[in-house]
Structures are given as structure tokens and as C-alpha cells.
Amino acid sequence: MAQFLQLSDLHVVEEGALASSVLDTRRTLTAVIDRLLEMKAALDPLDALLVSGDISDDGSADSYAFARAELERLDMPIYVVPGNHDAREPFRAAFANLDATPPSGLIDWATTIGDTLVVGLDTLVEGQGGGRLREDSLDLLRNALDTAGQGPVVIMLHHPPIKTGIRFMDAIGLENAEALEAELADTRCDITLIAGHVHGIHHGRLGHHRVATAPSVCSGFALDLRASATVGFLTGPTGCAFIDTAPGGIWSAVPLDPSDGPFPF
């Protein structure tokens, strides 16, 4: 088994800037890390931190340096994939000394943590909001699964391979989810796919495999299925996720919005 903390969609900007002219994501990330440090004893043992993209909002070196410094405060191994707001080479430079970050090309990787195979897939298409899996990424996944054995598998990517019903986000989703589904169709591994991008908690299936999307640490999107739904974000709810890959393990949302308690019943 292994236990992970998943953070997603930090959207950090350069010092003095606001994401989307509204969100002070640097201040928010510092507060989130402070809170997680307070909560860490309740979640330990944690084996690694998985960050599912949009670490930066503007692709700046300053935003990545700040994010990396804050994430390091959690004092656990860090594994990252880029999202559509990221810029691949500044992203790579900021996380170059991590074991799983490749020195060139797509930021795809596979590693074993405990008895769990964790695969990170790069869906970034620079210059557009939607994502795509390239053949190189699918090849890496195929080769990793060939050696996975009977242990659990976690596949992390930014763009979820499911639809949420939030039309403006589904329009910039993973454009070739069917290729990933075909790749996984014949495997009997116990696979959980985790993603970000949609700033909310959504559960679904890709074929017979579980898919879960994590909330953002800085903003949310309303679940509004109407064609007339407003295109935009909310300042909450925010959160992250806890993943336990033991038999009968769980994927749990961890709220990060302010609250009082606990109070006795």
C-alpha cells in the first residue's frame, strides 16, 4: 500500500500579481501549506505528494520557484505533471532535480512507491486549454503496466478523461480520452486515474477503471449543467485529496476552506 496527498491547480503567479485579476494565489498557497502542516499528523504516514498540474498560472520562473519552496515545506517526495496553464520548460527547470522529472521531452514518468506503481502523464498542449496524450506518453504507460504485476496503479494527469457536465471545462478537456481507454481496456490491474483541471470533485469511470478529480487549492467551478451557465470561477470550495492504495483503500477529499470545530455531539 501507499498513501498520497494530491494537490492540484495552484495557479501561482509572479510576486505582486493576482491570478485572473482576483486571486492572491501566493498568499493562498502559503496558507494551504500552513494548514496542511497542522493536519499532517492526522493523515500520516504520507508517502508522497502528487501535484496534478497548473502549478503556475502564468508560466513564470518566479511562480515556479515560489511554488516549489512552499511544496518543499511539507517534507515529502514530490511528483508533478504539467497542466494547461504551465509552461513546460520553466516547469521542468523548477522540478529538474526530482527523481521522476525527465531531462527533456514530455514530462512523463513512472515510479514505484511502496507496492504502488505511479505513472505521471503530460497532457499539456502549449497555447491551448485542452489537453492531449501523445503516443510517447501512451508507450510509457504501456511499458510501465507491462511490469506492474498485481499491485495497485495510480495514473496522474491534469486533464481528466471523463466529462463533468461543466460545459466550458469539458470543451477544454482531454481530447483523446478514447486512446487512453483503449490502452487500459485489457489490463486487469487495479487502476485509479487522478486528475485536476476542473477545480472540483468528480468521480467517474474510464472503461472499468476509477477516475477522480481533485478540488483546486485556490478556486472552484460551479456544477451548472445548463447551456446558459456562466463561464467563470468561484473563490471556493477549495481542497485537496488523500489517496490510500491499500485493498479497500479510499480517495478522500480534504476541505481547505475555513471552518470551526470539531464540536462534541
Protein backbone atom coordinates (compact mmCIF):
# COMPACT_ATOMS: atom_id res chain seq x y z
CA MET A 1 0.00 0.00 0.00
CA ALA A 2 0.90 3.66 -0.23
CA GLN A 3 -0.68 6.89 0.95
CA PHE A 4 -0.57 10.12 -1.03
CA LEU A 5 -1.62 13.73 -0.74
CA GLN A 6 -2.83 15.18 -4.05
CA LEU A 7 -2.75 18.92 -4.67
CA SER A 8 -3.96 20.46 -7.90
CA ASP A 9 -4.41 23.77 -9.69
CA LEU A 10 -2.31 26.09 -7.54
CA HIS A 11 -2.25 28.82 -10.24
CA VAL A 12 0.66 30.65 -8.67
CA VAL A 13 1.62 33.98 -10.27
CA GLU A 14 4.58 36.32 -10.11
CA GLU A 15 5.03 38.35 -6.94
CA GLY A 16 2.64 41.29 -6.81
CA ALA A 17 0.20 39.81 -9.35
CA LEU A 18 -3.25 38.25 -8.99
CA ALA A 19 -4.49 35.23 -10.89
CA SER A 20 -7.38 36.25 -13.16
CA SER A 21 -7.09 39.72 -11.56
CA VAL A 22 -8.82 38.35 -8.44
CA LEU A 23 -6.96 35.54 -6.67
CA ASP A 24 -3.90 36.10 -4.47
CA THR A 25 -2.67 32.59 -5.12
CA ARG A 26 0.71 33.08 -3.47
CA ARG A 27 -0.91 34.03 -0.17
CA THR A 28 -3.43 31.23 -0.59
CA LEU A 29 -0.75 28.59 -1.19
CA THR A 30 1.20 29.67 1.89
CA ALA A 31 -1.96 29.41 3.98
CA VAL A 32 -2.76 25.99 2.48
CA ILE A 33 0.68 24.63 3.30
CA ASP A 34 0.40 26.05 6.84
CA ARG A 35 -2.91 24.28 7.28
CA LEU A 36 -1.66 21.00 5.83
CA LEU A 37 1.30 21.06 8.19
CA GLU A 38 -1.18 21.38 11.07
CA MET A 39 -3.23 18.49 9.64
CA LYS A 40 -0.31 16.27 8.69
CA ALA A 41 -0.30 14.20 11.88
CA ALA A 42 -3.91 13.21 11.17
CA LEU A 43 -3.01 11.97 7.68
CA ASP A 44 0.40 10.38 8.24
CA PRO A 45 2.09 8.25 7.17
CA LEU A 46 2.15 10.01 3.81
CA ASP A 47 4.50 8.52 1.22
CA ALA A 48 4.49 11.29 -1.39
CA LEU A 49 2.93 14.50 -2.63
CA LEU A 50 1.30 14.26 -6.07
CA VAL A 51 0.65 17.58 -7.84
CA SER A 52 -1.64 17.30 -10.86
CA GLY A 53 -0.81 20.40 -12.83
CA ASP A 54 -1.47 24.12 -13.20
CA ILE A 55 1.20 24.79 -10.62
CA SER A 56 1.71 28.16 -12.29
CA ASP A 57 -0.92 30.42 -13.80
CA ASP A 58 1.49 32.48 -15.90
CA GLY A 59 4.39 30.09 -16.60
CA SER A 60 6.90 32.43 -14.94
CA ALA A 61 10.12 31.22 -13.33
CA ASP A 62 9.25 33.26 -10.23
CA SER A 63 5.91 31.49 -9.80
CA TYR A 64 7.56 28.07 -10.03
CA ALA A 65 10.32 28.98 -7.59
CA PHE A 66 7.72 30.17 -5.07
CA ALA A 67 5.54 27.09 -5.53
CA ARG A 68 8.48 24.71 -5.21
CA ALA A 69 9.62 26.38 -1.98
CA GLU A 70 6.14 26.13 -0.49
CA LEU A 71 5.64 22.50 -1.51
CA GLU A 72 9.02 21.58 -0.03
CA ARG A 73 7.74 22.66 3.37
CA LEU A 74 5.61 19.51 3.50
CA ASP A 75 8.85 17.50 3.66
CA MET A 76 7.89 14.56 1.45
CA PRO A 77 8.82 13.35 -2.02
CA ILE A 78 7.16 15.46 -4.74
CA TYR A 79 5.87 14.17 -8.09
CA VAL A 80 4.45 16.58 -10.65
CA VAL A 81 2.79 16.76 -14.07
CA PRO A 82 2.06 19.96 -16.01
CA GLY A 83 -1.35 21.46 -16.73
CA ASN A 84 -2.61 23.74 -19.46
CA HIS A 85 -1.51 26.93 -17.63
CA ASP A 86 2.01 25.61 -17.16
CA ALA A 87 4.97 26.27 -19.47
CA ARG A 88 6.88 23.04 -19.95
CA GLU A 89 10.48 24.23 -19.87
CA PRO A 90 10.19 26.62 -16.88
CA PHE A 91 8.21 23.85 -15.18
CA ARG A 92 10.95 21.33 -15.93
CA ALA A 93 13.66 23.71 -14.69
CA ALA A 94 11.87 24.22 -11.39
CA PHE A 95 11.49 20.49 -10.74
CA ALA A 96 14.55 19.21 -12.59
CA ASN A 97 16.20 17.61 -9.58
CA LEU A 98 13.23 15.43 -8.71
CA ASP A 99 13.85 11.77 -9.39
CA ALA A 100 10.91 11.40 -11.76
CA THR A 101 11.34 14.55 -13.86
CA PRO A 102 12.80 13.66 -17.29
CA PRO A 103 15.60 15.93 -18.59
CA SER A 104 13.93 16.52 -21.96
CA GLY A 105 10.77 15.88 -23.93
CA LEU A 106 7.37 15.31 -22.41
CA ILE A 107 7.15 15.26 -18.63
CA ASP A 108 6.04 11.63 -18.39
CA TRP A 109 7.37 9.28 -15.75
CA ALA A 110 6.70 6.04 -13.88
CA THR A 111 7.88 5.10 -10.41
CA THR A 112 7.03 2.59 -7.71
CA ILE A 113 6.15 3.84 -4.23
CA GLY A 114 5.58 1.09 -1.71
CA ASP A 115 3.68 -1.53 -3.69
CA THR A 116 2.03 1.09 -5.91
CA LEU A 117 3.01 1.95 -9.45
CA VAL A 118 2.50 5.67 -10.02
CA VAL A 119 2.52 6.97 -13.60
CA GLY A 120 2.53 10.66 -14.49
CA LEU A 121 1.36 11.66 -17.97
CA ASP A 122 1.93 15.01 -19.68
CA THR A 123 -1.25 16.31 -21.37
CA LEU A 124 -0.06 19.89 -21.90
CA VAL A 125 -0.52 21.37 -25.38
CA GLU A 126 1.12 24.75 -25.02
CA GLY A 127 -1.03 27.58 -26.29
CA GLN A 128 -4.38 25.89 -25.74
CA GLY A 129 -6.62 24.99 -22.82
CA GLY A 130 -7.43 21.46 -23.87
CA GLY A 131 -5.09 18.53 -23.41
CA ARG A 132 -3.88 15.59 -25.45
CA LEU A 133 -1.94 12.41 -24.81
CA ARG A 134 0.83 11.74 -27.32
CA GLU A 135 1.89 8.33 -28.48
CA ASP A 136 5.12 8.63 -26.49
CA SER A 137 3.09 9.03 -23.31
CA LEU A 138 0.91 6.04 -24.13
CA ASP A 139 4.03 3.99 -24.90
CA LEU A 140 5.49 4.84 -21.49
CA LEU A 141 2.21 3.88 -19.83
CA ARG A 142 2.05 0.61 -21.76
CA ASN A 143 5.61 -0.33 -20.81
CA ALA A 144 5.02 0.57 -17.16
CA LEU A 145 1.86 -1.53 -16.96
CA ASP A 146 3.66 -4.47 -18.53
CA THR A 147 5.86 -4.63 -15.43
CA ALA A 148 3.22 -3.62 -12.87
CA GLY A 149 2.48 -7.07 -11.53
CA GLN A 150 -0.56 -7.36 -9.25
CA GLY A 151 -0.06 -4.21 -7.20
CA PRO A 152 -2.25 -1.10 -7.35
CA VAL A 153 -1.66 1.57 -10.01
CA VAL A 154 -2.26 5.32 -9.83
CA ILE A 155 -2.19 7.26 -13.11
CA MET A 156 -1.96 11.04 -12.72
CA LEU A 157 -2.70 13.53 -15.47
CA HIS A 158 -4.00 17.08 -15.48
CA HIS A 159 -6.92 16.84 -17.90
CA PRO A 160 -9.48 14.28 -16.70
CA PRO A 161 -10.50 11.54 -19.14
CA ILE A 162 -14.18 11.98 -18.20
CA LYS A 163 -16.83 14.63 -18.78
CA THR A 164 -18.12 16.60 -15.79
CA GLY A 165 -21.13 18.34 -17.30
CA ILE A 166 -19.46 21.73 -16.79
CA ARG A 167 -19.62 22.66 -20.44
CA PHE A 168 -16.91 25.29 -20.61
CA MET A 169 -14.45 22.92 -18.91
CA ASP A 170 -15.47 19.84 -20.88
CA ALA A 171 -14.80 21.90 -24.02
CA ILE A 172 -11.13 22.11 -22.99
CA GLY A 173 -10.81 18.60 -21.62
CA LEU A 174 -8.71 15.65 -22.76
CA GLU A 175 -9.35 15.44 -26.48
CA ASN A 176 -8.30 11.81 -26.94
CA ALA A 177 -9.57 10.09 -23.80
CA GLU A 178 -10.62 7.19 -26.01
CA ALA A 179 -6.95 6.44 -26.76
CA LEU A 180 -6.27 6.14 -23.04
CA GLU A 181 -9.35 3.98 -22.56
CA ALA A 182 -8.20 1.67 -25.36
CA GLU A 183 -4.74 1.42 -23.79
CA LEU A 184 -6.24 0.35 -20.47
CA ALA A 185 -9.03 -1.84 -21.81
CA ASP A 186 -7.26 -5.19 -21.46
CA THR A 187 -5.33 -4.62 -18.25
CA ARG A 188 -6.64 -6.20 -15.07
CA CYS A 189 -4.51 -4.02 -12.82
CA ASP A 190 -6.28 -2.18 -10.01
CA ILE A 191 -6.05 1.29 -11.58
CA THR A 192 -7.14 4.64 -10.21
CA LEU A 193 -6.82 7.64 -12.51
CA ILE A 194 -6.48 11.01 -10.79
CA ALA A 195 -6.66 14.44 -12.38
CA GLY A 196 -7.21 18.13 -11.74
CA HIS A 197 -8.21 20.89 -14.18
CA VAL A 198 -11.91 21.04 -13.26
CA HIS A 199 -11.41 22.56 -9.77
CA GLY A 200 -13.85 20.18 -8.14
CA ILE A 201 -14.61 16.65 -7.01
CA HIS A 202 -15.94 14.42 -9.77
CA HIS A 203 -15.93 10.62 -9.88
CA GLY A 204 -16.45 8.52 -12.98
CA ARG A 205 -15.18 5.57 -14.99
CA LEU A 206 -12.90 5.17 -17.95
CA GLY A 207 -13.96 1.73 -19.08
CA HIS A 208 -13.86 -0.28 -15.86
CA HIS A 209 -11.27 1.95 -14.17
CA ARG A 210 -11.97 4.56 -11.49
CA VAL A 211 -11.42 8.27 -12.19
CA ALA A 212 -11.37 11.00 -9.54
CA THR A 213 -10.69 14.71 -9.93
CA ALA A 214 -9.33 16.80 -7.09
CA PRO A 215 -10.52 20.22 -6.00
CA SER A 216 -8.26 23.20 -6.56
CA VAL A 217 -6.41 24.79 -3.67
CA CYS A 218 -7.42 28.29 -4.85
CA SER A 219 -10.86 28.33 -6.54
CA GLY A 220 -13.82 26.28 -7.72
CA PHE A 221 -16.26 25.86 -10.60
CA ALA A 222 -19.99 25.55 -10.04
CA LEU A 223 -21.68 22.36 -11.18
CA ASP A 224 -24.14 24.02 -13.53
CA LEU A 225 -25.30 21.80 -16.39
CA ARG A 226 -27.29 24.47 -18.23
CA ALA A 227 -26.21 25.64 -21.67
CA SER A 228 -26.58 29.18 -20.29
CA ALA A 229 -24.25 28.56 -17.33
CA THR A 230 -21.92 31.45 -16.54
CA VAL A 231 -18.34 30.88 -17.65
CA GLY A 232 -16.20 31.70 -14.64
CA PHE A 233 -14.85 30.61 -11.28
CA LEU A 234 -15.76 30.87 -7.61
CA THR A 235 -13.38 31.52 -4.73
CA GLY A 236 -14.39 28.14 -3.28
CA PRO A 237 -14.86 25.44 -2.32
CA THR A 238 -11.19 24.57 -2.16
CA GLY A 239 -9.41 21.44 -1.10
CA CYS A 240 -7.04 18.61 -1.91
CA ALA A 241 -7.23 14.83 -1.81
CA PHE A 242 -5.94 11.91 0.23
CA ILE A 243 -5.33 8.59 -1.53
CA ASP A 244 -4.83 5.20 0.14
CA THR A 245 -3.99 2.37 -2.28
CA ALA A 246 -4.39 -0.50 0.19
CA PRO A 247 -7.00 -3.15 -0.61
CA GLY A 248 -10.27 -1.45 0.22
CA GLY A 249 -8.43 1.88 0.24
CA ILE A 250 -10.06 5.21 -0.41
CA TRP A 251 -9.84 8.50 -2.31
CA SER A 252 -10.96 11.24 0.10
CA ALA A 253 -11.49 14.95 -0.43
CA VAL A 254 -9.82 17.14 2.19
CA PRO A 255 -11.61 20.51 2.52
CA LEU A 256 -9.36 23.53 2.92
CA ASP A 257 -11.99 26.23 3.45
CA PRO A 258 -12.11 27.82 6.92
CA SER A 259 -14.32 26.03 9.44
CA ASP A 260 -14.82 25.77 13.20
CA GLY A 261 -14.76 22.71 15.44
CA PRO A 262 -14.75 19.85 15.94
CA PHE A 263 -17.56 20.14 18.49
CA PRO A 264 -18.78 17.26 20.66
CA PHE A 265 -22.08 15.63 19.67
